[in-house]
């Protein structure tokens, strides 16, 4: 079963992306994505 999550920039704290992940995964999702506010690639972490 999958759940929708929002990804938040670790530097400016803006929520930029929405994606889905497996509900049974233990750790929070972390992806390196482009942040339009920072204008660079940063780590985006799962937020609620």
Protein backbone atom coordinates (compact mmCIF):
# COMPACT_ATOMS: atom_id res chain seq x y z
CA UNK A 1 0.00 0.00 0.00
CA UNK A 2 1.31 3.47 -0.91
CA UNK A 3 0.92 6.82 0.81
CA UNK A 4 1.38 10.36 -0.52
CA UNK A 5 4.13 12.45 1.10
CA UNK A 6 5.36 16.02 0.69
CA UNK A 7 9.08 16.74 0.27
CA UNK A 8 10.51 19.78 2.07
CA UNK A 9 13.82 21.53 1.30
CA UNK A 10 16.31 21.04 4.14
CA UNK A 11 17.75 24.56 3.69
CA UNK A 12 14.82 26.95 3.11
CA UNK A 13 12.05 24.65 4.50
CA UNK A 14 9.78 25.22 1.48
CA UNK A 15 7.56 22.31 0.44
CA UNK A 16 8.31 21.81 -3.26
CA UNK A 17 7.40 18.26 -4.29
CA UNK A 18 4.73 15.61 -3.71
CA UNK A 19 5.41 11.92 -4.25
CA UNK A 20 4.33 8.52 -2.97
CA UNK A 21 6.16 5.81 -1.04
CA UNK A 22 5.53 2.41 0.48
CA UNK A 23 3.67 2.71 3.75
CA UNK A 24 5.71 -0.06 5.38
CA UNK A 25 9.08 1.69 4.82
CA UNK A 26 10.65 2.50 8.18
CA UNK A 27 12.76 5.58 7.50
CA UNK A 28 11.67 8.96 6.17
CA UNK A 29 12.28 9.56 2.48
CA UNK A 30 15.27 11.75 1.47
CA UNK A 31 15.93 12.77 -2.13
CA UNK A 32 18.27 15.26 -3.74
CA UNK A 33 16.02 17.55 -5.83
CA UNK A 34 16.16 21.02 -7.37
CA UNK A 35 14.80 23.80 -5.14
CA UNK A 36 13.49 26.76 -7.17
CA UNK A 37 13.73 29.09 -4.17
CA UNK A 38 17.39 28.24 -3.38
CA UNK A 39 18.16 27.83 -7.10
CA UNK A 40 20.29 24.73 -6.51
CA UNK A 41 20.02 21.01 -5.79
CA UNK A 42 19.44 20.31 -2.10
CA UNK A 43 18.32 17.40 0.06
CA UNK A 44 14.53 17.24 0.34
CA UNK A 45 13.08 15.31 3.28
CA UNK A 46 9.65 13.87 3.85
CA UNK A 47 7.32 16.07 5.88
CA UNK A 48 3.74 15.68 7.01
